[in-house]
Amino acid sequence: MNSSAPGNHWYRIAALAGLAMLIASPGLAGALTKHHVVKVTELDGSESYKTMTSDDYKPFEKDLANERRLYTRALMKAQKAWKEDESTGKSMFPRRAVKPRTVSKVGTFRTAEEADKKLERYQERQAEKEKEERERDKKIRSQLRKDPDGKAARKIKREQEQEEKFEKARAIYEAALSELKAAQNKREK
């Protein structure tokens, strides 16, 4: 039988309509969604891992790209606020305290279960690192108990003061960044 016969086009139309209905069905659309394990680096340099779908990842990545564009202006604004603050004005703004947030894909998976398994492995490794850090801190604290006025005590005090200073700098930076984002959103509307 000739494939260009008058009745064959109806079979093709029906097959294409059936395929379109399958693609539009929620079950298949869910199966086509990609799941990502992503590493997010925060302002303080700490890293965390999350799972995201492609639909969640794209706007998150776009928001972080916008933050990177505003980074220099927000940093300048934070430095100005730092100098104007009486409690911090005498010291320099700690630029090391603030790093732009970043996101990177660590893995892409077809199902959420596969992504969750990979995420668990990353979180287990991260928990091991935190455990090692706690053990190191415990060792330092034991040295501190032995010699409360010694070198270890002075070092810990300096580190605590520096971390407090860094936290304040990050808070000022976040406020400046939020202000710039709000102004940008207002201009776009």
Protein backbone atom coordinates (compact mmCIF):
# COMPACT_ATOMS: atom_id res chain seq x y z
CA MET A 1 0.00 0.00 0.00
CA ASN A 2 1.23 3.46 -0.84
CA SER A 3 2.24 5.61 2.18
CA SER A 4 0.90 8.69 0.49
CA ALA A 5 -2.58 7.21 0.22
CA PRO A 6 -5.35 9.61 1.27
CA GLY A 7 -6.25 7.73 4.54
CA ASN A 8 -2.68 7.48 5.99
CA HIS A 9 -2.42 11.10 7.03
CA TRP A 10 -5.13 10.50 9.67
CA TYR A 11 -2.95 7.86 11.31
CA ARG A 12 -0.06 10.28 11.45
CA ILE A 13 -2.22 13.04 12.92
CA ALA A 14 -3.61 10.65 15.55
CA ALA A 15 -0.11 9.44 16.47
CA LEU A 16 1.18 13.01 16.82
CA ALA A 17 -1.85 14.00 18.93
CA GLY A 18 -1.28 10.99 21.20
CA LEU A 19 2.39 11.87 21.58
CA ALA A 20 1.50 15.48 22.41
CA MET A 21 -0.93 14.29 25.10
CA LEU A 22 1.75 12.05 26.62
CA ILE A 23 4.26 14.88 26.77
CA ALA A 24 1.70 17.24 28.30
CA SER A 25 0.65 14.72 30.97
CA PRO A 26 1.93 15.50 34.48
CA GLY A 27 3.49 12.05 34.94
CA LEU A 28 5.80 12.35 31.97
CA ALA A 29 6.54 16.02 32.60
CA GLY A 30 7.69 15.08 36.10
CA ALA A 31 9.87 12.35 34.66
CA LEU A 32 11.57 14.88 32.39
CA THR A 33 12.44 17.22 35.26
CA LYS A 34 16.13 17.20 36.12
CA HIS A 35 17.24 17.20 39.73
CA HIS A 36 20.51 18.86 40.69
CA VAL A 37 22.74 18.62 43.70
CA VAL A 38 24.25 22.07 44.12
CA LYS A 39 26.96 23.54 46.30
CA VAL A 40 26.14 26.96 47.69
CA THR A 41 28.95 29.12 49.05
CA GLU A 42 27.66 31.73 51.49
CA LEU A 43 28.98 35.22 52.29
CA ASP A 44 31.21 33.88 55.05
CA GLY A 45 32.75 31.24 52.78
CA SER A 46 30.85 28.33 54.33
CA GLU A 47 29.52 25.73 51.95
CA SER A 48 26.29 23.79 51.99
CA TYR A 49 24.72 21.29 49.63
CA LYS A 50 21.10 21.21 48.45
CA THR A 51 18.94 19.47 45.90
CA MET A 52 17.02 21.56 43.40
CA THR A 53 14.98 20.97 40.31
CA SER A 54 15.92 22.79 37.12
CA ASP A 55 12.91 25.08 37.68
CA ASP A 56 14.25 26.07 41.12
CA TYR A 57 17.90 26.30 40.07
CA LYS A 58 17.51 28.82 37.25
CA PRO A 59 15.91 31.64 39.31
CA PHE A 60 18.31 30.97 42.21
CA GLU A 61 21.30 31.19 39.87
CA LYS A 62 19.87 34.37 38.32
CA ASP A 63 19.46 35.93 41.78
CA LEU A 64 23.07 35.11 42.72
CA ALA A 65 24.32 36.51 39.41
CA ASN A 66 22.46 39.73 40.24
CA GLU A 67 24.11 39.75 43.69
CA ARG A 68 27.54 39.39 42.07
CA ARG A 69 26.79 42.38 39.81
CA LEU A 70 25.83 44.43 42.88
CA TYR A 71 28.74 43.15 45.00
CA THR A 72 31.14 46.08 44.50
CA ARG A 73 28.47 48.74 45.04
CA ALA A 74 27.14 46.97 48.14
CA LEU A 75 30.66 46.57 49.49
CA MET A 76 31.38 50.30 49.00
CA LYS A 77 28.10 51.17 50.69
CA ALA A 78 28.92 48.81 53.60
CA GLN A 79 32.39 50.33 53.98
CA LYS A 80 30.86 53.80 54.17
CA ALA A 81 28.36 52.65 56.81
CA TRP A 82 31.22 50.97 58.70
CA LYS A 83 33.20 54.23 58.83
CA GLU A 84 30.15 56.21 59.94
CA ASP A 85 29.41 53.80 62.81
CA GLU A 86 31.05 55.02 66.03
CA SER A 87 31.75 51.51 67.30
CA THR A 88 33.58 50.43 64.14
CA GLY A 89 34.75 53.67 62.53
CA LYS A 90 38.24 53.46 64.01
CA SER A 91 39.08 50.18 62.31
CA MET A 92 39.20 49.23 58.64
CA PHE A 93 36.28 47.37 57.08
CA PRO A 94 37.26 43.66 56.94
CA ARG A 95 36.85 42.90 53.23
CA ARG A 96 37.83 39.27 53.86
CA ALA A 97 34.62 38.87 55.87
CA VAL A 98 32.39 39.19 52.81
CA LYS A 99 32.61 37.06 49.71
CA PRO A 100 30.03 36.95 46.93
CA ARG A 101 27.64 34.01 47.20
CA THR A 102 28.06 31.36 44.53
CA VAL A 103 26.25 28.25 43.37
CA SER A 104 27.58 25.39 41.30
CA LYS A 105 26.07 22.13 40.13
CA VAL A 106 27.75 19.09 41.64
CA GLY A 107 25.58 16.54 39.88
CA THR A 108 22.50 16.22 37.69
CA PHE A 109 20.09 13.30 38.08
CA ARG A 110 16.89 12.05 36.50
CA THR A 111 15.10 11.30 39.76
CA ALA A 112 14.84 13.03 43.11
CA GLU A 113 15.85 9.79 44.84
CA GLU A 114 19.19 9.65 43.02
CA ALA A 115 19.84 13.30 43.86
CA ASP A 116 18.95 12.71 47.53
CA LYS A 117 21.39 9.79 47.73
CA LYS A 118 24.20 11.95 46.36
CA LEU A 119 23.22 14.77 48.72
CA GLU A 120 23.42 12.39 51.69
CA ARG A 121 26.99 11.47 50.74
CA TYR A 122 28.03 15.13 50.57
CA GLN A 123 26.33 15.85 53.88
CA GLU A 124 28.07 12.87 55.51
CA ARG A 125 31.45 14.20 54.34
CA GLN A 126 30.56 17.64 55.60
CA ALA A 127 29.55 16.18 58.99
CA GLU A 128 32.91 14.38 59.21
CA LYS A 129 34.76 17.66 58.57
CA GLU A 130 32.69 19.40 61.24
CA LYS A 131 33.44 16.58 63.67
CA GLU A 132 37.18 16.97 63.04
CA GLU A 133 36.86 20.72 63.59
CA ARG A 134 35.02 20.16 66.89
CA GLU A 135 37.77 17.78 68.01
CA ARG A 136 40.39 20.38 67.13
CA ASP A 137 38.47 23.00 69.12
CA LYS A 138 38.18 20.58 72.03
CA LYS A 139 41.95 20.11 71.99
CA ILE A 140 42.49 23.88 71.99
CA ARG A 141 40.06 24.31 74.89
CA SER A 142 41.95 21.69 76.89
CA GLN A 143 45.17 23.63 76.29
CA LEU A 144 43.34 26.76 77.37
CA ARG A 145 42.35 25.14 80.68
CA LYS A 146 45.98 24.23 81.34
CA ASP A 147 47.26 27.75 80.63
CA PRO A 148 44.39 30.32 80.83
CA ASP A 149 46.66 33.34 80.33
CA GLY A 150 48.99 31.81 77.76
CA LYS A 151 49.47 31.94 74.04
CA ALA A 152 46.42 29.75 73.27
CA ALA A 153 44.12 32.01 75.29
CA ARG A 154 45.33 35.13 73.49
CA LYS A 155 44.93 33.41 70.13
CA ILE A 156 41.38 32.30 70.92
CA LYS A 157 40.45 35.78 72.14
CA ARG A 158 41.81 37.35 68.93
CA GLU A 159 39.89 34.84 66.81
CA GLN A 160 36.65 35.52 68.70
CA GLU A 161 37.08 39.29 68.34
CA GLN A 162 37.82 38.88 64.64
CA GLU A 163 34.76 36.66 64.13
CA GLU A 164 32.54 39.21 65.90
CA LYS A 165 33.95 41.92 63.66
CA PHE A 166 33.36 39.76 60.57
CA GLU A 167 29.76 39.03 61.60
CA LYS A 168 29.06 42.73 62.02
CA ALA A 169 30.63 43.46 58.62
CA ARG A 170 28.48 40.76 56.98
CA ALA A 171 25.34 42.17 58.59
CA ILE A 172 26.15 45.67 57.32
CA TYR A 173 26.92 44.27 53.85
CA GLU A 174 23.67 42.27 53.75
CA ALA A 175 21.70 45.39 54.66
CA ALA A 176 23.43 47.36 51.89
CA LEU A 177 22.82 44.57 49.38
CA SER A 178 19.14 44.33 50.33
CA GLU A 179 18.79 48.08 49.90
CA LEU A 180 20.38 47.95 46.44
CA LYS A 181 18.18 45.01 45.40
CA ALA A 182 15.06 46.83 46.56
CA ALA A 183 16.05 49.94 44.61
CA GLN A 184 16.76 47.81 41.54
CA ASN A 185 13.38 46.04 41.79
CA LYS A 186 11.65 49.40 42.15
CA ARG A 187 13.35 50.70 38.98
CA GLU A 188 12.38 47.58 37.03
CA LYS A 189 8.69 47.92 37.86
